[in-house]
Amino acid sequence: MSEETKAPEATKATEETPEPVDPRIEKANGQLELVKSKVVAKFGEEVIEEALLAKFQPTLVIQNERWADVVEFLKVTDELGFVYPEAMAGTDHMAKGYFEVYLYLHSFVLDMDLAVKVRTGREEPSIPSVTHLFSGVNWEEREIFDLLGVPFTGHPDMRRIMLEDHWQGHPLRKDYVVKD
């Protein structure tokens, strides 16, 4: 056989060989699909605005109106068991016109972490509180309120936690102006 005949066969074999998939991505995708399917079965597809992997982290973006309901479902559903809140924080996405709050939950049942996010507009921000589910996020919700100006409806003590009561503005907003 000549070299000209062998070359197309070698190229064809190379094209058919799939790119190896990182096992971390396969595992995280499986975890994401499992949790997503449970949430969709309970609340419907519209409750999830987005489902993605963010650096191997299964992440769900939940409708603002259903935020507390979905977080409660993730906690109390035995086969999910997201009972440990690892962290809660907020970000100002000024260019996109919203604030985003994220809660990292751990399930000892599934041995996995899940990021659950919720968005609210910048004009009249508001997010339902989840302190009735996880008392430990009390201070995180107050910190997000203090530094970003996002109030949590239903919070038992929604007031500043880091800055003085007379402080004007919220320093973690991208449009915040420092005054002398």
N, C-alpha and C. Protein backbone atom coordinates (compact mmCIF):
# COMPACT_ATOMS: atom_id res chain seq x y z
N MET A 1 0.84 -1.18 0.00
CA MET A 1 0.00 0.00 0.00
C MET A 1 0.88 1.24 0.00
N SER A 2 0.49 2.22 -0.73
CA SER A 2 1.28 3.45 -0.77
C SER A 2 0.93 4.34 0.41
N GLU A 3 1.77 5.33 0.66
CA GLU A 3 1.55 6.29 1.77
C GLU A 3 0.26 7.09 1.55
N GLU A 4 -0.06 7.35 0.29
CA GLU A 4 -1.27 8.12 -0.02
C GLU A 4 -2.52 7.38 0.42
N THR A 5 -2.51 6.07 0.35
CA THR A 5 -3.66 5.26 0.74
C THR A 5 -3.80 5.20 2.25
N LYS A 6 -2.69 5.13 2.98
CA LYS A 6 -2.71 5.02 4.44
C LYS A 6 -3.14 6.31 5.11
N ALA A 7 -2.79 7.43 4.58
CA ALA A 7 -3.06 8.72 5.21
C ALA A 7 -4.54 8.96 5.47
N PRO A 8 -5.44 8.74 4.50
CA PRO A 8 -6.86 8.97 4.78
C PRO A 8 -7.41 8.05 5.86
N GLU A 9 -6.94 6.81 5.94
CA GLU A 9 -7.40 5.90 6.98
C GLU A 9 -6.97 6.39 8.35
N ALA A 10 -5.75 6.86 8.48
CA ALA A 10 -5.24 7.37 9.76
C ALA A 10 -6.03 8.60 10.18
N THR A 11 -6.33 9.48 9.24
CA THR A 11 -7.10 10.68 9.54
C THR A 11 -8.50 10.31 9.99
N LYS A 12 -9.12 9.34 9.33
CA LYS A 12 -10.46 8.91 9.68
C LYS A 12 -10.51 8.34 11.10
N ALA A 13 -9.51 7.53 11.46
CA ALA A 13 -9.46 6.96 12.80
C ALA A 13 -9.30 8.05 13.86
N THR A 14 -8.52 9.07 13.56
CA THR A 14 -8.32 10.18 14.49
C THR A 14 -9.62 10.95 14.68
N GLU A 15 -10.36 11.18 13.60
CA GLU A 15 -11.61 11.93 13.69
C GLU A 15 -12.67 11.18 14.49
N GLU A 16 -12.65 9.86 14.47
CA GLU A 16 -13.66 9.08 15.17
C GLU A 16 -13.36 8.90 16.65
N THR A 17 -12.12 9.14 17.06
CA THR A 17 -11.75 8.99 18.47
C THR A 17 -12.27 10.19 19.24
N PRO A 18 -13.19 9.96 20.17
CA PRO A 18 -13.75 11.10 20.92
C PRO A 18 -12.71 11.67 21.89
N GLU A 19 -12.86 12.94 22.14
CA GLU A 19 -12.01 13.62 23.11
C GLU A 19 -12.32 13.06 24.50
N PRO A 20 -11.30 12.74 25.30
CA PRO A 20 -11.59 12.21 26.64
C PRO A 20 -12.33 13.24 27.50
N VAL A 21 -13.27 12.76 28.28
CA VAL A 21 -14.06 13.64 29.13
C VAL A 21 -13.49 13.59 30.55
N ASP A 22 -13.31 14.75 31.13
CA ASP A 22 -12.81 14.84 32.50
C ASP A 22 -13.82 14.15 33.42
N PRO A 23 -13.39 13.18 34.24
CA PRO A 23 -14.34 12.47 35.11
C PRO A 23 -15.02 13.39 36.12
N ARG A 24 -14.39 14.50 36.47
CA ARG A 24 -15.02 15.45 37.39
C ARG A 24 -16.24 16.09 36.74
N ILE A 25 -16.15 16.34 35.44
CA ILE A 25 -17.28 16.93 34.72
C ILE A 25 -18.42 15.92 34.62
N GLU A 26 -18.10 14.67 34.31
CA GLU A 26 -19.13 13.64 34.24
C GLU A 26 -19.85 13.50 35.58
N LYS A 27 -19.09 13.46 36.67
CA LYS A 27 -19.68 13.31 38.00
C LYS A 27 -20.56 14.52 38.33
N ALA A 28 -20.03 15.72 38.12
CA ALA A 28 -20.79 16.93 38.44
C ALA A 28 -22.04 17.05 37.58
N ASN A 29 -21.95 16.69 36.30
CA ASN A 29 -23.13 16.72 35.43
C ASN A 29 -24.19 15.76 35.93
N GLY A 30 -23.77 14.57 36.35
CA GLY A 30 -24.72 13.60 36.90
C GLY A 30 -25.40 14.12 38.15
N GLN A 31 -24.63 14.74 39.03
CA GLN A 31 -25.18 15.32 40.25
C GLN A 31 -26.16 16.44 39.94
N LEU A 32 -25.77 17.30 39.01
CA LEU A 32 -26.64 18.41 38.62
C LEU A 32 -27.95 17.90 38.04
N GLU A 33 -27.89 16.93 37.17
CA GLU A 33 -29.11 16.39 36.56
C GLU A 33 -30.01 15.72 37.60
N LEU A 34 -29.42 15.03 38.57
CA LEU A 34 -30.20 14.40 39.63
C LEU A 34 -30.99 15.45 40.42
N VAL A 35 -30.29 16.47 40.90
CA VAL A 35 -30.95 17.51 41.71
C VAL A 35 -31.95 18.28 40.86
N LYS A 36 -31.56 18.63 39.66
CA LYS A 36 -32.46 19.37 38.77
C LYS A 36 -33.75 18.59 38.52
N SER A 37 -33.64 17.29 38.27
CA SER A 37 -34.83 16.49 37.99
C SER A 37 -35.78 16.46 39.19
N LYS A 38 -35.23 16.40 40.40
CA LYS A 38 -36.07 16.41 41.61
C LYS A 38 -36.79 17.74 41.77
N VAL A 39 -36.06 18.83 41.54
CA VAL A 39 -36.66 20.17 41.67
C VAL A 39 -37.73 20.37 40.61
N VAL A 40 -37.44 19.98 39.38
CA VAL A 40 -38.42 20.13 38.29
C VAL A 40 -39.66 19.28 38.55
N ALA A 41 -39.47 18.07 39.06
CA ALA A 41 -40.62 17.20 39.36
C ALA A 41 -41.53 17.82 40.41
N LYS A 42 -40.96 18.55 41.34
CA LYS A 42 -41.75 19.17 42.42
C LYS A 42 -42.35 20.51 42.00
N PHE A 43 -41.57 21.36 41.32
CA PHE A 43 -41.99 22.74 41.07
C PHE A 43 -42.25 23.08 39.60
N GLY A 44 -41.83 22.24 38.68
CA GLY A 44 -41.96 22.54 37.26
C GLY A 44 -40.68 23.17 36.72
N GLU A 45 -40.53 23.13 35.40
CA GLU A 45 -39.31 23.61 34.75
C GLU A 45 -39.08 25.10 34.92
N GLU A 46 -40.16 25.87 35.00
CA GLU A 46 -40.01 27.33 35.04
C GLU A 46 -39.33 27.84 36.30
N VAL A 47 -39.27 27.03 37.35
CA VAL A 47 -38.65 27.47 38.61
C VAL A 47 -37.13 27.60 38.48
N ILE A 48 -36.55 26.86 37.53
CA ILE A 48 -35.11 26.92 37.32
C ILE A 48 -34.83 27.83 36.13
N GLU A 49 -34.19 28.96 36.41
CA GLU A 49 -33.85 29.89 35.35
C GLU A 49 -32.62 29.42 34.57
N GLU A 50 -31.74 28.72 35.27
CA GLU A 50 -30.52 28.26 34.64
C GLU A 50 -29.96 27.09 35.45
N ALA A 51 -29.38 26.12 34.78
CA ALA A 51 -28.69 25.00 35.42
C ALA A 51 -27.37 24.83 34.70
N LEU A 52 -26.27 24.89 35.45
CA LEU A 52 -24.97 24.86 34.82
C LEU A 52 -23.90 24.32 35.75
N LEU A 53 -22.75 24.04 35.17
CA LEU A 53 -21.56 23.73 35.96
C LEU A 53 -20.69 24.96 35.94
N ALA A 54 -20.34 25.46 37.09
CA ALA A 54 -19.43 26.60 37.21
C ALA A 54 -18.16 26.10 37.86
N LYS A 55 -17.15 25.83 37.04
CA LYS A 55 -15.88 25.26 37.52
C LYS A 55 -16.13 23.98 38.31
N PHE A 56 -16.81 23.05 37.71
CA PHE A 56 -17.16 21.74 38.27
C PHE A 56 -18.22 21.81 39.36
N GLN A 57 -18.75 22.99 39.67
CA GLN A 57 -19.72 23.16 40.74
C GLN A 57 -21.13 23.12 40.16
N PRO A 58 -21.94 22.09 40.50
CA PRO A 58 -23.34 22.09 40.07
C PRO A 58 -24.04 23.33 40.61
N THR A 59 -24.71 24.06 39.72
CA THR A 59 -25.30 25.35 40.09
C THR A 59 -26.70 25.46 39.50
N LEU A 60 -27.64 25.88 40.35
CA LEU A 60 -29.01 26.15 39.91
C LEU A 60 -29.33 27.61 40.19
N VAL A 61 -29.88 28.30 39.20
CA VAL A 61 -30.39 29.66 39.40
C VAL A 61 -31.90 29.52 39.50
N ILE A 62 -32.44 29.94 40.64
CA ILE A 62 -33.86 29.72 40.97
C ILE A 62 -34.64 31.03 40.82
N GLN A 63 -35.89 30.93 40.39
CA GLN A 63 -36.78 32.10 40.33
C GLN A 63 -36.85 32.75 41.70
N ASN A 64 -36.81 34.05 41.74
CA ASN A 64 -36.84 34.79 43.00
C ASN A 64 -38.05 34.43 43.84
N GLU A 65 -39.22 34.37 43.22
CA GLU A 65 -40.47 34.12 43.95
C GLU A 65 -40.49 32.75 44.63
N ARG A 66 -39.76 31.79 44.10
CA ARG A 66 -39.78 30.42 44.61
C ARG A 66 -38.50 30.05 45.37
N TRP A 67 -37.60 31.02 45.53
CA TRP A 67 -36.30 30.80 46.17
C TRP A 67 -36.40 30.04 47.49
N ALA A 68 -37.16 30.57 48.44
CA ALA A 68 -37.24 29.94 49.76
C ALA A 68 -37.88 28.56 49.68
N ASP A 69 -38.87 28.39 48.80
CA ASP A 69 -39.53 27.09 48.66
C ASP A 69 -38.55 26.03 48.15
N VAL A 70 -37.75 26.40 47.16
CA VAL A 70 -36.81 25.43 46.59
C VAL A 70 -35.70 25.11 47.60
N VAL A 71 -35.20 26.12 48.30
CA VAL A 71 -34.16 25.87 49.31
C VAL A 71 -34.71 24.94 50.40
N GLU A 72 -35.95 25.18 50.81
CA GLU A 72 -36.56 24.29 51.80
C GLU A 72 -36.68 22.86 51.26
N PHE A 73 -37.12 22.72 50.03
CA PHE A 73 -37.24 21.41 49.41
C PHE A 73 -35.89 20.69 49.39
N LEU A 74 -34.83 21.41 49.01
CA LEU A 74 -33.49 20.81 48.99
C LEU A 74 -33.07 20.33 50.37
N LYS A 75 -33.50 21.05 51.39
CA LYS A 75 -33.12 20.68 52.77
C LYS A 75 -33.93 19.50 53.30
N VAL A 76 -35.23 19.54 53.14
CA VAL A 76 -36.09 18.57 53.83
C VAL A 76 -36.34 17.28 53.06
N THR A 77 -36.02 17.24 51.78
CA THR A 77 -36.23 16.03 51.00
C THR A 77 -35.15 15.02 51.36
N ASP A 78 -35.56 13.88 51.90
CA ASP A 78 -34.62 12.90 52.44
C ASP A 78 -33.57 12.44 51.45
N GLU A 79 -33.95 12.21 50.20
CA GLU A 79 -32.96 11.71 49.24
C GLU A 79 -32.01 12.80 48.74
N LEU A 80 -32.27 14.06 49.09
CA LEU A 80 -31.37 15.15 48.74
C LEU A 80 -30.55 15.57 49.97
N GLY A 81 -31.22 16.01 51.01
CA GLY A 81 -30.58 16.29 52.29
C GLY A 81 -29.52 17.37 52.27
N PHE A 82 -29.80 18.49 51.62
CA PHE A 82 -28.85 19.62 51.65
C PHE A 82 -29.07 20.40 52.95
N VAL A 83 -28.52 19.88 54.03
CA VAL A 83 -28.79 20.40 55.36
C VAL A 83 -27.69 21.33 55.90
N TYR A 84 -26.59 21.45 55.17
CA TYR A 84 -25.47 22.24 55.68
C TYR A 84 -25.18 23.43 54.77
N PRO A 85 -25.49 24.65 55.23
CA PRO A 85 -25.15 25.84 54.44
C PRO A 85 -23.67 26.19 54.66
N GLU A 86 -22.90 26.13 53.59
CA GLU A 86 -21.47 26.40 53.71
C GLU A 86 -21.16 27.89 53.67
N ALA A 87 -21.81 28.63 52.79
CA ALA A 87 -21.54 30.06 52.65
C ALA A 87 -22.69 30.72 51.89
N MET A 88 -22.83 32.01 52.11
CA MET A 88 -23.82 32.80 51.39
C MET A 88 -23.19 34.16 51.10
N ALA A 89 -23.36 34.65 49.89
CA ALA A 89 -22.77 35.93 49.52
C ALA A 89 -23.58 36.53 48.38
N GLY A 90 -23.25 37.77 48.04
CA GLY A 90 -23.95 38.45 46.97
C GLY A 90 -22.98 39.19 46.07
N THR A 91 -23.42 39.42 44.83
CA THR A 91 -22.61 40.11 43.83
C THR A 91 -23.49 41.10 43.07
N ASP A 92 -22.91 42.24 42.75
CA ASP A 92 -23.59 43.24 41.94
C ASP A 92 -23.19 43.03 40.48
N HIS A 93 -24.15 42.65 39.67
CA HIS A 93 -23.93 42.54 38.22
C HIS A 93 -24.57 43.76 37.58
N MET A 94 -23.97 44.91 37.82
CA MET A 94 -24.54 46.19 37.39
C MET A 94 -24.80 46.21 35.88
N ALA A 95 -23.85 45.73 35.10
CA ALA A 95 -23.99 45.76 33.64
C ALA A 95 -25.18 44.92 33.18
N LYS A 96 -25.53 43.88 33.92
CA LYS A 96 -26.65 43.01 33.57
C LYS A 96 -27.95 43.46 34.23
N GLY A 97 -27.86 44.41 35.16
CA GLY A 97 -29.05 44.98 35.78
C GLY A 97 -29.61 44.20 36.96
N TYR A 98 -28.80 43.36 37.61
CA TYR A 98 -29.32 42.62 38.75
C TYR A 98 -28.24 42.35 39.79
N PHE A 99 -28.73 42.02 40.99
CA PHE A 99 -27.88 41.48 42.04
C PHE A 99 -28.09 39.97 42.04
N GLU A 100 -27.05 39.25 42.41
CA GLU A 100 -27.16 37.80 42.49
C GLU A 100 -26.69 37.37 43.88
N VAL A 101 -27.50 36.56 44.52
CA VAL A 101 -27.15 36.00 45.83
C VAL A 101 -26.99 34.51 45.64
N TYR A 102 -25.93 33.97 46.21
CA TYR A 102 -25.70 32.54 46.08
C TYR A 102 -25.49 31.91 47.44
N LEU A 103 -26.02 30.72 47.56
CA LEU A 103 -25.95 29.93 48.78
C LEU A 103 -25.33 28.59 48.42
N TYR A 104 -24.23 28.27 49.08
CA TYR A 104 -23.57 26.98 48.85
C TYR A 104 -24.07 26.00 49.91
N LEU A 105 -24.65 24.91 49.45
CA LEU A 105 -25.20 23.90 50.35
C LEU A 105 -24.44 22.58 50.19
N HIS A 106 -24.36 21.83 51.28
CA HIS A 106 -23.73 20.51 51.22
C HIS A 106 -24.76 19.46 51.62
N SER A 107 -24.75 18.35 50.88
CA SER A 107 -25.57 17.20 51.20
C SER A 107 -24.67 16.07 51.65
N PHE A 108 -24.86 15.63 52.89
CA PHE A 108 -24.11 14.48 53.38
C PHE A 108 -24.69 13.19 52.79
N VAL A 109 -25.95 13.22 52.41
CA VAL A 109 -26.61 12.06 51.80
C VAL A 109 -25.99 11.77 50.43
N LEU A 110 -25.84 12.82 49.62
CA LEU A 110 -25.29 12.67 48.27
C LEU A 110 -23.79 12.91 48.21
N ASP A 111 -23.21 13.38 49.31
CA ASP A 111 -21.79 13.75 49.37
C ASP A 111 -21.45 14.70 48.23
N MET A 112 -22.18 15.80 48.19
CA MET A 112 -21.95 16.79 47.13
C MET A 112 -22.27 18.19 47.61
N ASP A 113 -21.69 19.15 46.92
CA ASP A 113 -21.97 20.56 47.14
C ASP A 113 -22.82 21.06 45.99
N LEU A 114 -23.66 22.04 46.29
CA LEU A 114 -24.55 22.63 45.29
C LEU A 114 -24.58 24.13 45.51
N ALA A 115 -24.41 24.88 44.45
CA ALA A 115 -24.59 26.33 44.51
C ALA A 115 -26.00 26.64 44.04
N VAL A 116 -26.73 27.35 44.87
CA VAL A 116 -28.10 27.76 44.53
C VAL A 116 -28.10 29.28 44.48
N LYS A 117 -28.50 29.82 43.34
CA LYS A 117 -28.45 31.27 43.14
C LYS A 117 -29.85 31.83 42.92
N VAL A 118 -29.96 33.11 43.25
CA VAL A 118 -31.21 33.84 43.01
C VAL A 118 -30.83 35.26 42.59
N ARG A 119 -31.64 35.83 41.72
CA ARG A 119 -31.36 37.18 41.21
C ARG A 119 -32.51 38.11 41.55
N THR A 120 -32.15 39.38 41.68
CA THR A 120 -33.15 40.42 41.91
C THR A 120 -32.70 41.68 41.19
N GLY A 121 -33.67 42.45 40.70
CA GLY A 121 -33.35 43.67 39.98
C GLY A 121 -32.67 44.71 40.87
N ARG A 122 -31.98 45.63 40.27
CA ARG A 122 -31.25 46.64 41.02
C ARG A 122 -32.17 47.78 41.49
N GLU A 123 -33.28 48.01 40.82
CA GLU A 123 -34.14 49.14 41.17
C GLU A 123 -34.84 48.96 42.52
N GLU A 124 -35.53 47.90 42.70
CA GLU A 124 -36.21 47.61 43.97
C GLU A 124 -35.88 46.17 44.36
N PRO A 125 -34.63 45.95 44.81
CA PRO A 125 -34.22 44.58 45.10
C PRO A 125 -34.95 43.99 46.30
N SER A 126 -35.18 42.70 46.25
CA SER A 126 -35.81 41.98 47.35
C SER A 126 -35.67 40.48 47.09
N ILE A 127 -35.29 39.77 48.14
CA ILE A 127 -35.15 38.31 48.07
C ILE A 127 -35.79 37.73 49.32
N PRO A 128 -36.55 36.65 49.20
CA PRO A 128 -37.12 36.01 50.40
C PRO A 128 -36.01 35.47 51.32
N SER A 129 -36.16 35.68 52.59
CA SER A 129 -35.18 35.19 53.57
C SER A 129 -35.27 33.68 53.71
N VAL A 130 -34.13 33.05 54.01
CA VAL A 130 -34.11 31.62 54.32
C VAL A 130 -33.59 31.38 55.74
N THR A 131 -33.66 32.42 56.59
CA THR A 131 -33.20 32.26 57.98
C THR A 131 -34.09 31.28 58.75
N HIS A 132 -35.35 31.15 58.35
CA HIS A 132 -36.22 30.18 59.02
C HIS A 132 -35.80 28.74 58.72
N LEU A 133 -35.00 28.56 57.67
CA LEU A 133 -34.50 27.24 57.31
C LEU A 133 -33.10 26.99 57.86
N PHE A 134 -32.27 28.02 57.79
CA PHE A 134 -30.89 27.94 58.26
C PHE A 134 -30.61 29.19 59.10
N SER A 135 -30.69 29.06 60.41
CA SER A 135 -30.48 30.24 61.27
C SER A 135 -29.08 30.81 61.09
N GLY A 136 -28.14 30.00 60.63
CA GLY A 136 -26.76 30.45 60.45
C GLY A 136 -26.58 31.47 59.35
N VAL A 137 -27.55 31.62 58.43
CA VAL A 137 -27.40 32.61 57.37
C VAL A 137 -27.95 33.98 57.79
N ASN A 138 -28.37 34.09 59.03
CA ASN A 138 -28.88 35.36 59.55
C ASN A 138 -27.90 36.50 59.29
N TRP A 139 -26.68 36.32 59.70
CA TRP A 139 -25.69 37.38 59.54
C TRP A 139 -25.30 37.59 58.09
N GLU A 140 -25.27 36.51 57.30
CA GLU A 140 -24.92 36.67 55.89
C GLU A 140 -25.99 37.51 55.16
N GLU A 141 -27.26 37.25 55.46
CA GLU A 141 -28.31 38.05 54.84
C GLU A 141 -28.20 39.51 55.28
N ARG A 142 -27.89 39.74 56.54
CA ARG A 142 -27.71 41.12 57.01
C ARG A 142 -26.50 41.78 56.36
N GLU A 143 -25.43 41.03 56.16
CA GLU A 143 -24.23 41.57 55.51
C GLU A 143 -24.53 41.94 54.06
N ILE A 144 -25.25 41.07 53.35
CA ILE A 144 -25.63 41.36 51.97
C ILE A 144 -26.51 42.61 51.92
N PHE A 145 -27.44 42.71 52.87
CA PHE A 145 -28.28 43.91 52.96
C PHE A 145 -27.43 45.15 53.21
N ASP A 146 -26.52 45.07 54.14
CA ASP A 146 -25.69 46.21 54.53
C ASP A 146 -24.77 46.67 53.40
N LEU A 147 -24.09 45.74 52.76
CA LEU A 147 -23.06 46.10 51.78
C LEU A 147 -23.56 46.21 50.35
N LEU A 148 -24.66 45.51 50.01
CA LEU A 148 -25.21 45.59 48.65
C LEU A 148 -26.57 46.29 48.59
N GLY A 149 -27.25 46.36 49.73
CA GLY A 149 -28.56 47.01 49.73
C GLY A 149 -29.68 46.10 49.27
N VAL A 150 -29.52 44.79 49.43
CA VAL A 150 -30.55 43.83 49.05
C VAL A 150 -31.26 43.37 50.32
N PRO A 151 -32.51 43.82 50.55
CA PRO A 151 -33.24 43.36 51.73
C PRO A 151 -33.82 41.95 51.52
N PHE A 152 -33.93 41.23 52.62
CA PHE A 152 -34.49 39.88 52.59
C PHE A 152 -35.84 39.91 53.30
N THR A 153 -36.91 39.73 52.53
CA THR A 153 -38.25 39.77 53.11
C THR A 153 -38.43 38.59 54.05
N GLY A 154 -39.01 38.87 55.21
CA GLY A 154 -39.23 37.83 56.20
C GLY A 154 -38.06 37.63 57.15
N HIS A 155 -37.00 38.39 56.99
CA HIS A 155 -35.85 38.27 57.90
C HIS A 155 -36.26 38.82 59.27
N PRO A 156 -35.88 38.15 60.36
CA PRO A 156 -36.33 38.57 61.69
C PRO A 156 -35.68 39.85 62.21
N ASP A 157 -34.56 40.30 61.63
CA ASP A 157 -33.85 41.47 62.16
C ASP A 157 -33.07 42.16 61.04
N MET A 158 -33.76 42.62 60.00
CA MET A 158 -33.11 43.20 58.83
C MET A 158 -32.62 44.62 59.14
N ARG A 159 -31.36 44.70 59.57
CA ARG A 159 -30.72 45.99 59.81
C ARG A 159 -29.24 45.83 59.53
N ARG A 160 -28.55 46.96 59.47
CA ARG A 160 -27.12 46.94 59.18
C ARG A 160 -26.38 46.11 60.22
N ILE A 161 -25.31 45.47 59.77
CA ILE A 161 -24.53 44.63 60.67
C ILE A 161 -23.07 45.07 60.74
N MET A 162 -22.58 45.74 59.69
CA MET A 162 -21.17 46.12 59.66
C MET A 162 -20.97 47.64 59.71
N LEU A 163 -21.84 48.38 59.06
CA LEU A 163 -21.69 49.82 58.98
C LEU A 163 -22.62 50.51 59.98
N GLU A 164 -22.29 51.75 60.29
CA GLU A 164 -23.11 52.52 61.23
C GLU A 164 -24.48 52.78 60.63
N ASP A 165 -25.46 52.92 61.50
CA ASP A 165 -26.84 53.11 61.05
C ASP A 165 -27.02 54.32 60.14
N HIS A 166 -26.25 55.38 60.36
CA HIS A 166 -26.41 56.59 59.55
C HIS A 166 -25.64 56.53 58.22
N TRP A 167 -24.94 55.45 57.96
CA TRP A 167 -24.14 55.31 56.75
C TRP A 167 -25.02 55.47 55.51
N GLN A 168 -24.52 56.21 54.53
CA GLN A 168 -25.26 56.43 53.29
C GLN A 168 -24.74 55.49 52.21
N GLY A 169 -25.62 54.72 51.61
CA GLY A 169 -25.26 53.85 50.50
C GLY A 169 -24.79 52.47 50.92
N HIS A 170 -24.35 51.72 49.92
CA HIS A 170 -23.95 50.32 50.10
C HIS A 170 -22.63 50.11 49.35
N PRO A 171 -21.52 49.97 50.07
CA PRO A 171 -20.19 50.02 49.47
C PRO A 171 -19.84 48.93 48.45
N LEU A 172 -20.54 47.82 48.40
CA LEU A 172 -20.21 46.79 47.41
C LEU A 172 -20.98 46.93 46.11
N ARG A 173 -21.81 47.97 46.02
CA ARG A 173 -22.46 48.24 44.73
C ARG A 173 -21.44 48.85 43.79
N LYS A 174 -21.50 48.45 42.55
CA LYS A 174 -20.51 48.94 41.58
C LYS A 174 -20.64 50.44 41.30
N ASP A 175 -21.81 51.01 41.61
CA ASP A 175 -21.98 52.44 41.38
C ASP A 175 -21.80 53.26 42.66
N TYR A 176 -21.28 52.66 43.70
CA TYR A 176 -21.06 53.35 44.97
C TYR A 176 -19.94 54.36 44.82
N VAL A 177 -20.16 55.55 45.36
CA VAL A 177 -19.16 56.61 45.31
C VAL A 177 -18.67 56.87 46.72
N VAL A 178 -17.34 56.78 46.91
CA VAL A 178 -16.75 57.03 48.22
C VAL A 178 -16.73 58.53 48.47
N LYS A 179 -17.22 58.91 49.66
CA LYS A 179 -17.24 60.33 50.03
C LYS A 179 -16.20 60.56 51.11
N ASP A 180 -15.65 61.75 51.14
CA ASP A 180 -14.66 62.08 52.17
C ASP A 180 -15.30 62.10 53.53
